[in-house]
Amino acid sequence: MVYSGAGDRQPTVALLISSELQQDIFSAEVRAQLYALAHIISFSNGKPSAKDLQPLLQQSVACITGWDTPPLDDTLLDGAPQLRLIAHTAGSIRALVPPSVFERGVYVSHSNASLAEGVAEFTILQALLCLRRVCTFDRLLKEGQLWVHEPGRLLRTQTFGIVSMGSIGREVISRLKPFGCRIIAYDPYMDATELRALGAEPTDLKTLFASADIVSLHTPLLPATRGMIDAEHLALLRDGAIFLNTARAGLVDEAALLRELATGRFMAALDVFHIEPLPIDSILRTLPNVILSPHIAALTSDTLYLQGQMMVDELRRFLHGEKLQYEVRSEQFSTMA
C-alpha cells in the first residue's frame, strides 16, 4: 500500500524525539529528506512526555521514536487508529512498545544494525587494550615509572568466547576472523550447524567460560537472562583471562564479579553497570585490572547519523509501499532487548 495524504497533502508522520536528540541523530541532509517525505508534526522544545504524544499519534500513519521517547503503551496506541509504522532510531524496543503492537497491524523497525557495528568494533578494541596492557602502561608511565616492559599477547593466539549470537555477536565474529583466533560461541537459540557456518565452534556456557581466554557478553537482558552469569561461571575463568561486558550489567551476579575481580586473577573491560552513572565510590574505580567506559560502546557520531538515516530510509520504503529492511517481527520480540 502506498500512503498519501488527502488531496495533494502529504501523509502525516509524528517525530517523537526531543529537539536536542534530533540534532544528534539527523544530519541537515537527512532532516531535509525527512521533511520532503511527509508532513512532520512534533512537540515544543524539551523531552516529550506521554501527554505530548497522544495528539500527535492520533493524526499520524507513522512515527519516529528515539531513546527519549516515552513508552507507546496500549492506551496511546488505542488513540492512534491510523498508525501503521513505528520507526525507532535506537536498538532496544521492549521498553518502547507492548507485544500487542503487532496484533494491531503496526510495523516496527529499529536501527539496531548500526548500533551493532559500533559495539562490535568497541569489543575488539577492549580485547586488544587488555591483551597489550595499553591502559596499564599509560597509567604507570604517568605515575612516574621509568620504563616498564611486560609483554602482552597476540589476539591470534587466543580462544575468543562469544555469549549470544545476535546481530552484535555476528559483527564481532566478522571482525575477529582477520586476526585468525579460535572462536567459540554459546547461543541456546541457534543450532550447531548455524554457529559453525558463522565461523564459531558451538559449546555450552560453562565450557565456554572454562576454555576461553577472552569471554565477551552480547546477550539481551530479559527475565530469563538476568543473573545468568553467576559465581560458578566466573570461577571457571582461567587466571589471566579477559572478561568483556558491553551488553547489560544485569546479566552478571555483581557481587560475584566484584569478588573475583578483587583477586586480580583476570582482567575485565566493563561498559555497563548495575547503577548508571557509576557511583563515585564504586570499588570498580579502584581496581587496576578493570578498564571502565561509560556505556559508550555503540555510540559514535557516525553511528548516530546512521541511526537517523536508516529510519528515514525505512519511512520512505513504508510510504512507497516497499518492503521494510529493518523490520522487527512478532516472533523475534520475546528474545530481543
C-alpha atoms as a PDB file:
ATOM      1  CA  MET A   1       0.000   0.000   0.000  1.00  0.00           C
ATOM      2  CA  VAL A   2       1.307   3.464  -0.911  1.00  0.00           C
ATOM      3  CA  TYR A   3       0.405   6.165   1.608  1.00  0.00           C
ATOM      4  CA  SER A   4      -0.674   9.618   0.537  1.00  0.00           C
ATOM      5  CA  GLY A   5      -2.497  12.404   2.300  1.00  0.00           C
ATOM      6  CA  ALA A   6      -5.851  13.879   1.470  1.00  0.00           C
ATOM      7  CA  GLY A   7      -5.712  15.573  -1.916  1.00  0.00           C
ATOM      8  CA  ASP A   8      -2.209  16.880  -2.500  1.00  0.00           C
ATOM      9  CA  ARG A   9      -1.368  16.808   1.184  1.00  0.00           C
ATOM     10  CA  GLN A  10       1.481  14.570   2.342  1.00  0.00           C
ATOM     11  CA  PRO A  11       0.880  11.778   4.874  1.00  0.00           C
ATOM     12  CA  THR A  12       1.371  12.870   8.475  1.00  0.00           C
ATOM     13  CA  VAL A  13       4.298  11.471  10.473  1.00  0.00           C
ATOM     14  CA  ALA A  14       4.921  12.203  14.156  1.00  0.00           C
ATOM     15  CA  LEU A  15       8.504  12.912  15.215  1.00  0.00           C
ATOM     16  CA  LEU A  16       8.555  11.830  18.873  1.00  0.00           C
ATOM     17  CA  ILE A  17      12.138  12.762  19.754  1.00  0.00           C
ATOM     18  CA  SER A  18      13.438  15.741  21.709  1.00  0.00           C
ATOM     19  CA  SER A  19      14.855  18.588  19.673  1.00  0.00           C
ATOM     20  CA  GLU A  20      18.262  18.018  21.285  1.00  0.00           C
ATOM     21  CA  LEU A  21      18.392  14.360  20.260  1.00  0.00           C
ATOM     22  CA  GLN A  22      17.120  15.225  16.780  1.00  0.00           C
ATOM     23  CA  GLN A  23      20.236  17.338  16.257  1.00  0.00           C
ATOM     24  CA  ASP A  24      22.439  14.386  17.211  1.00  0.00           C
ATOM     25  CA  ILE A  25      20.626  11.837  15.056  1.00  0.00           C
ATOM     26  CA  PHE A  26      19.613  13.742  11.913  1.00  0.00           C
ATOM     27  CA  SER A  27      22.193  15.477   9.772  1.00  0.00           C
ATOM     28  CA  ALA A  28      20.964  18.531   7.883  1.00  0.00           C
ATOM     29  CA  GLU A  29      20.769  16.432   4.726  1.00  0.00           C
ATOM     30  CA  VAL A  30      18.753  13.638   6.342  1.00  0.00           C
ATOM     31  CA  ARG A  31      16.468  16.114   8.064  1.00  0.00           C
ATOM     32  CA  ALA A  32      15.716  17.648   4.668  1.00  0.00           C
ATOM     33  CA  GLN A  33      14.968  14.167   3.303  1.00  0.00           C
ATOM     34  CA  LEU A  34      12.580  13.521   6.189  1.00  0.00           C
ATOM     35  CA  TYR A  35      10.621  16.749   5.726  1.00  0.00           C
ATOM     36  CA  ALA A  36      10.391  16.129   1.989  1.00  0.00           C
ATOM     37  CA  LEU A  37       8.813  12.714   2.592  1.00  0.00           C
ATOM     38  CA  ALA A  38       5.883  13.655   4.787  1.00  0.00           C
ATOM     39  CA  HIS A  39       4.058  16.285   6.781  1.00  0.00           C
ATOM     40  CA  ILE A  40       6.109  16.132  10.008  1.00  0.00           C
ATOM     41  CA  ILE A  41       4.486  17.063  13.296  1.00  0.00           C
ATOM     42  CA  SER A  42       6.307  17.284  16.618  1.00  0.00           C
ATOM     43  CA  PHE A  43       6.031  18.959  20.018  1.00  0.00           C
ATOM     44  CA  SER A  44       7.585  22.028  21.594  1.00  0.00           C
ATOM     45  CA  ASN A  45      11.166  22.025  22.812  1.00  0.00           C
ATOM     46  CA  GLY A  46      12.268  19.678  25.550  1.00  0.00           C
ATOM     47  CA  LYS A  47      11.865  15.986  26.261  1.00  0.00           C
ATOM     48  CA  PRO A  48       8.474  14.542  25.255  1.00  0.00           C
ATOM     49  CA  SER A  49       6.004  13.271  27.834  1.00  0.00           C
ATOM     50  CA  ALA A  50       3.244  10.744  27.287  1.00  0.00           C
ATOM     51  CA  LYS A  51       0.743  13.620  27.329  1.00  0.00           C
ATOM     52  CA  ASP A  52       2.589  15.242  24.425  1.00  0.00           C
ATOM     53  CA  LEU A  53       2.361  12.129  22.277  1.00  0.00           C
ATOM     54  CA  GLN A  54      -1.359  11.427  22.161  1.00  0.00           C
ATOM     55  CA  PRO A  55      -2.492  14.333  19.910  1.00  0.00           C
ATOM     56  CA  LEU A  56       0.437  13.680  17.573  1.00  0.00           C
ATOM     57  CA  LEU A  57      -0.152   9.940  17.256  1.00  0.00           C
ATOM     58  CA  GLN A  58      -3.869  10.474  16.699  1.00  0.00           C
ATOM     59  CA  GLN A  59      -3.135  12.164  13.353  1.00  0.00           C
ATOM     60  CA  SER A  60      -0.238  10.017  12.116  1.00  0.00           C
ATOM     61  CA  VAL A  61       0.267   6.992   9.886  1.00  0.00           C
ATOM     62  CA  ALA A  62       3.837   6.608  11.173  1.00  0.00           C
ATOM     63  CA  CYS A  63       6.064   7.868  13.948  1.00  0.00           C
ATOM     64  CA  ILE A  64       9.792   8.134  14.506  1.00  0.00           C
ATOM     65  CA  THR A  65      10.995   7.419  18.044  1.00  0.00           C
ATOM     66  CA  GLY A  66      14.277   7.509  19.945  1.00  0.00           C
ATOM     67  CA  TRP A  67      15.964   6.938  23.290  1.00  0.00           C
ATOM     68  CA  ASP A  68      13.980   9.688  25.000  1.00  0.00           C
ATOM     69  CA  THR A  69      10.543   8.709  23.673  1.00  0.00           C
ATOM     70  CA  PRO A  70       8.137   7.611  26.442  1.00  0.00           C
ATOM     71  CA  PRO A  71       6.700   4.087  26.099  1.00  0.00           C
ATOM     72  CA  LEU A  72       3.977   3.737  23.485  1.00  0.00           C
ATOM     73  CA  ASP A  73       1.637   1.712  25.664  1.00  0.00           C
ATOM     74  CA  ASP A  74      -1.752   0.295  24.767  1.00  0.00           C
ATOM     75  CA  THR A  75      -3.547   3.438  25.897  1.00  0.00           C
ATOM     76  CA  LEU A  76      -1.530   5.585  23.496  1.00  0.00           C
ATOM     77  CA  LEU A  77      -1.892   3.043  20.701  1.00  0.00           C
ATOM     78  CA  ASP A  78      -5.667   2.875  21.247  1.00  0.00           C
ATOM     79  CA  GLY A  79      -5.756   6.565  20.395  1.00  0.00           C
ATOM     80  CA  ALA A  80      -3.731   6.136  17.211  1.00  0.00           C
ATOM     81  CA  PRO A  81      -6.096   4.331  14.802  1.00  0.00           C
ATOM     82  CA  GLN A  82      -4.146   5.331  11.663  1.00  0.00           C
ATOM     83  CA  LEU A  83      -0.702   4.375  12.955  1.00  0.00           C
ATOM     84  CA  ARG A  84       0.977   1.700  10.824  1.00  0.00           C
ATOM     85  CA  LEU A  85       4.725   2.183  11.393  1.00  0.00           C
ATOM     86  CA  ILE A  86       6.957   2.829  14.402  1.00  0.00           C
ATOM     87  CA  ALA A  87      10.488   3.602  13.203  1.00  0.00           C
ATOM     88  CA  HIS A  88      12.821   3.516  16.210  1.00  0.00           C
ATOM     89  CA  THR A  89      16.157   5.308  15.837  1.00  0.00           C
ATOM     90  CA  ALA A  90      17.679   3.142  18.585  1.00  0.00           C
ATOM     91  CA  GLY A  91      18.087  -0.578  19.190  1.00  0.00           C
ATOM     92  CA  SER A  92      16.072  -1.819  22.165  1.00  0.00           C
ATOM     93  CA  ILE A  93      12.300  -1.900  21.635  1.00  0.00           C
ATOM     94  CA  ARG A  94      10.971  -3.949  24.581  1.00  0.00           C
ATOM     95  CA  ALA A  95      10.612  -0.860  26.756  1.00  0.00           C
ATOM     96  CA  LEU A  96       9.081   1.139  23.906  1.00  0.00           C
ATOM     97  CA  VAL A  97       6.147  -0.973  22.703  1.00  0.00           C
ATOM     98  CA  PRO A  98       3.983  -3.766  24.153  1.00  0.00           C
ATOM     99  CA  PRO A  99       3.784  -7.178  22.435  1.00  0.00           C
ATOM    100  CA  SER A 100       0.237  -6.304  21.385  1.00  0.00           C
ATOM    101  CA  VAL A 101       1.580  -3.746  18.904  1.00  0.00           C
ATOM    102  CA  PHE A 102       1.897  -6.472  16.280  1.00  0.00           C
ATOM    103  CA  GLU A 103      -1.733  -7.545  16.693  1.00  0.00           C
ATOM    104  CA  ARG A 104      -2.745  -4.015  15.712  1.00  0.00           C
ATOM    105  CA  GLY A 105      -1.158  -4.343  12.282  1.00  0.00           C
ATOM    106  CA  VAL A 106       1.586  -1.867  13.160  1.00  0.00           C
ATOM    107  CA  TYR A 107       5.030  -2.434  11.663  1.00  0.00           C
ATOM    108  CA  VAL A 108       8.043  -1.886  13.922  1.00  0.00           C
ATOM    109  CA  SER A 109      11.546  -1.141  12.661  1.00  0.00           C
ATOM    110  CA  HIS A 110      14.713  -0.224  14.509  1.00  0.00           C
ATOM    111  CA  SER A 111      18.287   0.828  13.796  1.00  0.00           C
ATOM    112  CA  ASN A 112      19.945  -1.921  15.815  1.00  0.00           C
ATOM    113  CA  ALA A 113      22.193  -2.842  12.892  1.00  0.00           C
ATOM    114  CA  SER A 114      24.031   0.475  13.148  1.00  0.00           C
ATOM    115  CA  LEU A 115      24.485   0.057  16.899  1.00  0.00           C
ATOM    116  CA  ALA A 116      25.786  -3.488  16.444  1.00  0.00           C
ATOM    117  CA  GLU A 117      28.619  -2.190  14.282  1.00  0.00           C
ATOM    118  CA  GLY A 118      29.734   0.259  16.957  1.00  0.00           C
ATOM    119  CA  VAL A 119      29.548  -2.292  19.784  1.00  0.00           C
ATOM    120  CA  ALA A 120      31.445  -4.918  17.786  1.00  0.00           C
ATOM    121  CA  GLU A 121      34.274  -2.516  16.973  1.00  0.00           C
ATOM    122  CA  PHE A 122      34.444  -1.421  20.619  1.00  0.00           C
ATOM    123  CA  THR A 123      34.567  -5.058  21.734  1.00  0.00           C
ATOM    124  CA  ILE A 124      37.639  -5.730  19.601  1.00  0.00           C
ATOM    125  CA  LEU A 125      39.212  -2.538  20.966  1.00  0.00           C
ATOM    126  CA  GLN A 126      38.601  -3.695  24.547  1.00  0.00           C
ATOM    127  CA  ALA A 127      40.159  -7.079  23.836  1.00  0.00           C
ATOM    128  CA  LEU A 128      43.266  -5.528  22.279  1.00  0.00           C
ATOM    129  CA  LEU A 129      43.668  -2.967  25.068  1.00  0.00           C
ATOM    130  CA  CYS A 130      43.624  -5.771  27.631  1.00  0.00           C
ATOM    131  CA  LEU A 131      45.878  -8.124  25.684  1.00  0.00           C
ATOM    132  CA  ARG A 132      48.535  -5.475  25.056  1.00  0.00           C
ATOM    133  CA  ARG A 133      48.135  -3.819  28.506  1.00  0.00           C
ATOM    134  CA  VAL A 134      47.852  -0.370  26.958  1.00  0.00           C
ATOM    135  CA  CYS A 135      45.945   1.186  29.859  1.00  0.00           C
ATOM    136  CA  THR A 136      48.392  -0.269  32.394  1.00  0.00           C
ATOM    137  CA  PHE A 137      51.396   1.161  30.552  1.00  0.00           C
ATOM    138  CA  ASP A 138      49.693   4.533  30.242  1.00  0.00           C
ATOM    139  CA  ARG A 139      48.960   4.646  33.975  1.00  0.00           C
ATOM    140  CA  LEU A 140      52.437   3.508  35.064  1.00  0.00           C
ATOM    141  CA  LEU A 141      54.245   5.969  32.832  1.00  0.00           C
ATOM    142  CA  LYS A 142      52.067   8.834  34.034  1.00  0.00           C
ATOM    143  CA  GLU A 143      52.715   7.786  37.646  1.00  0.00           C
ATOM    144  CA  GLY A 144      56.449   8.178  37.060  1.00  0.00           C
ATOM    145  CA  GLN A 145      57.583   4.616  36.333  1.00  0.00           C
ATOM    146  CA  LEU A 146      60.629   4.938  34.119  1.00  0.00           C
ATOM    147  CA  TRP A 147      60.195   2.154  31.551  1.00  0.00           C
ATOM    148  CA  VAL A 148      58.027  -0.933  32.192  1.00  0.00           C
ATOM    149  CA  HIS A 149      58.257  -3.891  29.821  1.00  0.00           C
ATOM    150  CA  GLU A 150      55.562  -6.504  30.370  1.00  0.00           C
ATOM    151  CA  PRO A 151      54.893  -8.369  27.124  1.00  0.00           C
ATOM    152  CA  GLY A 152      51.287  -8.783  26.086  1.00  0.00           C
ATOM    153  CA  ARG A 153      49.648 -11.385  23.879  1.00  0.00           C
ATOM    154  CA  LEU A 154      48.559 -11.607  20.237  1.00  0.00           C
ATOM    155  CA  LEU A 155      44.858 -11.898  19.551  1.00  0.00           C
ATOM    156  CA  ARG A 156      45.676 -14.610  17.027  1.00  0.00           C
ATOM    157  CA  THR A 157      46.800 -16.941  19.845  1.00  0.00           C
ATOM    158  CA  GLN A 158      43.612 -16.560  21.883  1.00  0.00           C
ATOM    159  CA  THR A 159      40.392 -18.526  22.178  1.00  0.00           C
ATOM    160  CA  PHE A 160      37.626 -15.933  21.983  1.00  0.00           C
ATOM    161  CA  GLY A 161      34.290 -16.925  23.557  1.00  0.00           C
ATOM    162  CA  ILE A 162      31.110 -15.142  22.477  1.00  0.00           C
ATOM    163  CA  VAL A 163      27.960 -15.428  24.574  1.00  0.00           C
ATOM    164  CA  SER A 164      24.936 -14.988  22.282  1.00  0.00           C
ATOM    165  CA  MET A 165      24.991 -14.700  18.517  1.00  0.00           C
ATOM    166  CA  GLY A 166      22.563 -11.920  17.757  1.00  0.00           C
ATOM    167  CA  SER A 167      23.453  -9.062  15.447  1.00  0.00           C
ATOM    168  CA  ILE A 168      26.316  -7.890  17.675  1.00  0.00           C
ATOM    169  CA  GLY A 169      27.818 -11.351  18.140  1.00  0.00           C
ATOM    170  CA  ARG A 170      27.815 -11.828  14.376  1.00  0.00           C
ATOM    171  CA  GLU A 171      29.511  -8.479  13.826  1.00  0.00           C
ATOM    172  CA  VAL A 172      32.160  -9.397  16.390  1.00  0.00           C
ATOM    173  CA  ILE A 173      32.902 -12.638  14.525  1.00  0.00           C
ATOM    174  CA  SER A 174      33.306 -10.814  11.226  1.00  0.00           C
ATOM    175  CA  ARG A 175      35.898  -8.548  12.811  1.00  0.00           C
ATOM    176  CA  LEU A 176      37.710 -11.369  14.588  1.00  0.00           C
ATOM    177  CA  LYS A 177      38.238 -13.519  11.505  1.00  0.00           C
ATOM    178  CA  PRO A 178      41.168 -11.485  10.067  1.00  0.00           C
ATOM    179  CA  PHE A 179      43.050 -11.941  13.349  1.00  0.00           C
ATOM    180  CA  GLY A 180      42.911 -15.726  12.998  1.00  0.00           C
ATOM    181  CA  CYS A 181      41.958 -16.559  16.570  1.00  0.00           C
ATOM    182  CA  ARG A 182      39.842 -19.543  17.582  1.00  0.00           C
ATOM    183  CA  ILE A 183      36.204 -18.563  18.155  1.00  0.00           C
ATOM    184  CA  ILE A 184      33.791 -20.487  20.358  1.00  0.00           C
ATOM    185  CA  ALA A 185      30.186 -19.480  20.997  1.00  0.00           C
ATOM    186  CA  TYR A 186      27.154 -20.212  23.132  1.00  0.00           C
ATOM    187  CA  ASP A 187      23.623 -19.438  21.972  1.00  0.00           C
ATOM    188  CA  PRO A 188      20.685 -21.618  23.069  1.00  0.00           C
ATOM    189  CA  TYR A 189      18.555 -20.309  20.177  1.00  0.00           C
ATOM    190  CA  MET A 190      20.965 -21.290  17.419  1.00  0.00           C
ATOM    191  CA  ASP A 191      21.830 -24.818  16.386  1.00  0.00           C
ATOM    192  CA  ALA A 192      25.371 -26.099  15.961  1.00  0.00           C
ATOM    193  CA  THR A 193      25.221 -26.024  12.153  1.00  0.00           C
ATOM    194  CA  GLU A 194      24.328 -22.338  12.114  1.00  0.00           C
ATOM    195  CA  LEU A 195      27.099 -21.484  14.572  1.00  0.00           C
ATOM    196  CA  ARG A 196      29.702 -23.340  12.532  1.00  0.00           C
ATOM    197  CA  ALA A 197      28.530 -21.626   9.367  1.00  0.00           C
ATOM    198  CA  LEU A 198      29.211 -18.285  11.053  1.00  0.00           C
ATOM    199  CA  GLY A 199      32.734 -19.381  11.953  1.00  0.00           C
ATOM    200  CA  ALA A 200      32.314 -20.348  15.610  1.00  0.00           C
ATOM    201  CA  GLU A 201      32.639 -23.659  17.405  1.00  0.00           C
ATOM    202  CA  PRO A 202      29.448 -24.359  19.405  1.00  0.00           C
ATOM    203  CA  THR A 203      29.785 -25.078  23.116  1.00  0.00           C
ATOM    204  CA  ASP A 204      27.822 -24.858  26.355  1.00  0.00           C
ATOM    205  CA  LEU A 205      28.134 -21.881  28.686  1.00  0.00           C
ATOM    206  CA  LYS A 206      30.275 -23.496  31.380  1.00  0.00           C
ATOM    207  CA  THR A 207      32.694 -24.946  28.857  1.00  0.00           C
ATOM    208  CA  LEU A 208      32.974 -21.552  27.189  1.00  0.00           C
ATOM    209  CA  PHE A 209      33.962 -19.891  30.472  1.00  0.00           C
ATOM    210  CA  ALA A 210      36.430 -22.653  31.279  1.00  0.00           C
ATOM    211  CA  SER A 211      38.010 -22.754  27.801  1.00  0.00           C
ATOM    212  CA  ALA A 212      38.138 -19.174  26.550  1.00  0.00           C
ATOM    213  CA  ASP A 213      40.984 -16.723  27.030  1.00  0.00           C
ATOM    214  CA  ILE A 214      38.517 -13.918  26.320  1.00  0.00           C
ATOM    215  CA  VAL A 215      34.794 -14.018  27.140  1.00  0.00           C
ATOM    216  CA  SER A 216      32.502 -11.375  25.630  1.00  0.00           C
ATOM    217  CA  LEU A 217      28.822 -10.961  26.557  1.00  0.00           C
ATOM    218  CA  HIS A 218      26.287  -9.947  23.907  1.00  0.00           C
ATOM    219  CA  THR A 219      23.061 -11.257  25.436  1.00  0.00           C
ATOM    220  CA  PRO A 220      19.884  -9.153  25.712  1.00  0.00           C
ATOM    221  CA  LEU A 221      18.681  -8.547  29.259  1.00  0.00           C
ATOM    222  CA  LEU A 222      15.428 -10.485  29.629  1.00  0.00           C
ATOM    223  CA  PRO A 223      13.742 -12.049  32.671  1.00  0.00           C
ATOM    224  CA  ALA A 224      15.295 -15.385  31.665  1.00  0.00           C
ATOM    225  CA  THR A 225      18.828 -13.973  31.268  1.00  0.00           C
ATOM    226  CA  ARG A 226      19.054 -11.749  34.348  1.00  0.00           C
ATOM    227  CA  GLY A 227      21.897 -13.058  36.520  1.00  0.00           C
ATOM    228  CA  MET A 228      22.716 -15.851  34.058  1.00  0.00           C
ATOM    229  CA  ILE A 229      26.460 -15.365  34.651  1.00  0.00           C
ATOM    230  CA  ASP A 230      26.916 -16.404  38.273  1.00  0.00           C
ATOM    231  CA  ALA A 231      29.745 -17.163  40.688  1.00  0.00           C
ATOM    232  CA  GLU A 232      30.254 -20.628  39.219  1.00  0.00           C
ATOM    233  CA  HIS A 233      30.808 -19.294  35.708  1.00  0.00           C
ATOM    234  CA  LEU A 234      33.192 -16.568  36.869  1.00  0.00           C
ATOM    235  CA  ALA A 235      35.187 -19.055  38.951  1.00  0.00           C
ATOM    236  CA  LEU A 236      35.721 -21.095  35.790  1.00  0.00           C
ATOM    237  CA  LEU A 237      37.600 -18.245  34.097  1.00  0.00           C
ATOM    238  CA  ARG A 238      41.266 -19.126  33.879  1.00  0.00           C
ATOM    239  CA  ASP A 239      43.902 -16.943  35.502  1.00  0.00           C
ATOM    240  CA  GLY A 240      44.948 -14.225  33.065  1.00  0.00           C
ATOM    241  CA  ALA A 241      41.649 -14.372  31.189  1.00  0.00           C
ATOM    242  CA  ILE A 242      39.766 -11.302  29.935  1.00  0.00           C
ATOM    243  CA  PHE A 243      36.066 -10.689  30.635  1.00  0.00           C
ATOM    244  CA  LEU A 244      34.205  -8.167  28.456  1.00  0.00           C
ATOM    245  CA  ASN A 245      30.700  -6.825  29.010  1.00  0.00           C
ATOM    246  CA  THR A 246      29.203  -4.362  26.534  1.00  0.00           C
ATOM    247  CA  ALA A 247      25.714  -5.859  26.908  1.00  0.00           C
ATOM    248  CA  ARG A 248      23.977  -5.283  30.259  1.00  0.00           C
ATOM    249  CA  ALA A 249      25.287  -5.431  33.830  1.00  0.00           C
ATOM    250  CA  GLY A 250      22.153  -7.282  34.955  1.00  0.00           C
ATOM    251  CA  LEU A 251      23.338 -10.389  33.122  1.00  0.00           C
ATOM    252  CA  VAL A 252      26.042 -10.872  35.752  1.00  0.00           C
ATOM    253  CA  ASP A 253      25.944 -11.537  39.507  1.00  0.00           C
ATOM    254  CA  GLU A 254      27.524  -8.246  40.604  1.00  0.00           C
ATOM    255  CA  ALA A 255      28.758  -9.423  43.999  1.00  0.00           C
ATOM    256  CA  ALA A 256      30.409 -12.480  42.478  1.00  0.00           C
ATOM    257  CA  LEU A 257      32.092 -10.382  39.785  1.00  0.00           C
ATOM    258  CA  LEU A 258      33.454  -7.913  42.340  1.00  0.00           C
ATOM    259  CA  ARG A 259      34.842 -10.749  44.472  1.00  0.00           C
ATOM    260  CA  GLU A 260      36.633 -12.313  41.529  1.00  0.00           C
ATOM    261  CA  LEU A 261      37.985  -9.022  40.197  1.00  0.00           C
ATOM    262  CA  ALA A 262      39.326  -8.086  43.638  1.00  0.00           C
ATOM    263  CA  THR A 263      41.636 -11.116  43.470  1.00  0.00           C
ATOM    264  CA  GLY A 264      43.280  -9.639  40.384  1.00  0.00           C
ATOM    265  CA  ARG A 265      43.479 -13.030  38.691  1.00  0.00           C
ATOM    266  CA  PHE A 266      41.798 -11.881  35.462  1.00  0.00           C
ATOM    267  CA  MET A 267      41.124  -8.604  33.651  1.00  0.00           C
ATOM    268  CA  ALA A 268      37.778  -7.073  32.753  1.00  0.00           C
ATOM    269  CA  ALA A 269      36.610  -4.298  30.456  1.00  0.00           C
ATOM    270  CA  LEU A 270      33.165  -3.111  31.503  1.00  0.00           C
ATOM    271  CA  ASP A 271      30.951  -0.669  29.626  1.00  0.00           C
ATOM    272  CA  VAL A 272      27.750  -1.309  31.611  1.00  0.00           C
ATOM    273  CA  PHE A 273      26.946  -1.182  35.305  1.00  0.00           C
ATOM    274  CA  HIS A 274      24.132  -2.016  37.715  1.00  0.00           C
ATOM    275  CA  ILE A 275      23.865   1.657  38.636  1.00  0.00           C
ATOM    276  CA  GLU A 276      24.498   4.225  35.904  1.00  0.00           C
ATOM    277  CA  PRO A 277      26.235   6.624  36.076  1.00  0.00           C
ATOM    278  CA  LEU A 278      28.727   4.504  38.003  1.00  0.00           C
ATOM    279  CA  PRO A 279      28.789   5.756  41.631  1.00  0.00           C
ATOM    280  CA  ILE A 280      31.886   7.733  42.526  1.00  0.00           C
ATOM    281  CA  ASP A 281      32.602   5.366  45.432  1.00  0.00           C
ATOM    282  CA  SER A 282      32.305   2.168  43.356  1.00  0.00           C
ATOM    283  CA  ILE A 283      35.108  -0.285  44.050  1.00  0.00           C
ATOM    284  CA  LEU A 284      35.392  -0.771  40.292  1.00  0.00           C
ATOM    285  CA  ARG A 285      37.004   2.672  40.070  1.00  0.00           C
ATOM    286  CA  THR A 286      39.890   1.426  42.227  1.00  0.00           C
ATOM    287  CA  LEU A 287      40.758  -1.877  40.557  1.00  0.00           C
ATOM    288  CA  PRO A 288      43.859  -1.783  38.305  1.00  0.00           C
ATOM    289  CA  ASN A 289      42.753  -4.902  36.399  1.00  0.00           C
ATOM    290  CA  VAL A 290      39.499  -3.277  35.208  1.00  0.00           C
ATOM    291  CA  ILE A 291      39.012  -0.926  32.247  1.00  0.00           C
ATOM    292  CA  LEU A 292      35.881   1.209  32.565  1.00  0.00           C
ATOM    293  CA  SER A 293      33.845   3.096  29.974  1.00  0.00           C
ATOM    294  CA  PRO A 294      30.532   4.983  30.429  1.00  0.00           C
ATOM    295  CA  HIS A 295      28.057   2.815  28.450  1.00  0.00           C
ATOM    296  CA  ILE A 296      29.516   4.218  25.249  1.00  0.00           C
ATOM    297  CA  ALA A 297      30.267   1.091  23.181  1.00  0.00           C
ATOM    298  CA  ALA A 298      27.670   1.726  20.493  1.00  0.00           C
ATOM    299  CA  LEU A 299      28.000   5.460  20.369  1.00  0.00           C
ATOM    300  CA  THR A 300      29.932   7.287  17.671  1.00  0.00           C
ATOM    301  CA  SER A 301      28.961  10.416  15.762  1.00  0.00           C
ATOM    302  CA  ASP A 302      28.919   8.259  12.622  1.00  0.00           C
ATOM    303  CA  THR A 303      26.627   5.741  14.284  1.00  0.00           C
ATOM    304  CA  LEU A 304      24.198   8.412  15.459  1.00  0.00           C
ATOM    305  CA  TYR A 305      23.768   9.859  11.994  1.00  0.00           C
ATOM    306  CA  LEU A 306      23.444   6.367  10.546  1.00  0.00           C
ATOM    307  CA  GLN A 307      20.642   5.606  13.015  1.00  0.00           C
ATOM    308  CA  GLY A 308      18.691   8.572  11.735  1.00  0.00           C
ATOM    309  CA  GLN A 309      19.420   7.815   8.081  1.00  0.00           C
ATOM    310  CA  MET A 310      18.296   4.190   8.468  1.00  0.00           C
ATOM    311  CA  MET A 311      14.904   5.116   9.873  1.00  0.00           C
ATOM    312  CA  VAL A 312      14.289   7.923   7.372  1.00  0.00           C
ATOM    313  CA  ASP A 313      15.057   5.402   4.623  1.00  0.00           C
ATOM    314  CA  GLU A 314      12.711   2.933   6.316  1.00  0.00           C
ATOM    315  CA  LEU A 315       9.974   5.547   6.433  1.00  0.00           C
ATOM    316  CA  ARG A 316      10.441   6.168   2.704  1.00  0.00           C
ATOM    317  CA  ARG A 317      10.089   2.437   1.986  1.00  0.00           C
ATOM    318  CA  PHE A 318       6.941   2.271   4.081  1.00  0.00           C
ATOM    319  CA  LEU A 319       5.311   5.306   2.444  1.00  0.00           C
ATOM    320  CA  HIS A 320       6.164   3.986  -1.024  1.00  0.00           C
ATOM    321  CA  GLY A 321       4.782   0.529  -0.298  1.00  0.00           C
ATOM    322  CA  GLU A 322       8.190  -1.164  -0.391  1.00  0.00           C
ATOM    323  CA  LYS A 323       9.452  -3.979   1.826  1.00  0.00           C
ATOM    324  CA  LEU A 324      10.985  -2.804   5.087  1.00  0.00           C
ATOM    325  CA  GLN A 325      14.679  -3.584   5.598  1.00  0.00           C
ATOM    326  CA  TYR A 326      14.905  -3.443   9.398  1.00  0.00           C
ATOM    327  CA  GLU A 327      11.523  -4.797  10.455  1.00  0.00           C
ATOM    328  CA  VAL A 328      11.107  -6.450  13.844  1.00  0.00           C
ATOM    329  CA  ARG A 329       8.703  -9.382  13.637  1.00  0.00           C
ATOM    330  CA  SER A 330       6.438 -10.538  16.426  1.00  0.00           C
ATOM    331  CA  GLU A 331       8.226 -13.889  16.777  1.00  0.00           C
ATOM    332  CA  GLN A 332      11.515 -12.036  17.470  1.00  0.00           C
ATOM    333  CA  PHE A 333      10.108  -9.813  20.184  1.00  0.00           C
ATOM    334  CA  SER A 334      10.395 -12.196  23.160  1.00  0.00           C
ATOM    335  CA  THR A 335      14.127 -12.745  22.694  1.00  0.00           C
ATOM    336  CA  MET A 336      15.119  -9.160  21.871  1.00  0.00           C
ATOM    337  CA  ALA A 337      16.346  -6.410  24.158  1.00  0.00           C
END
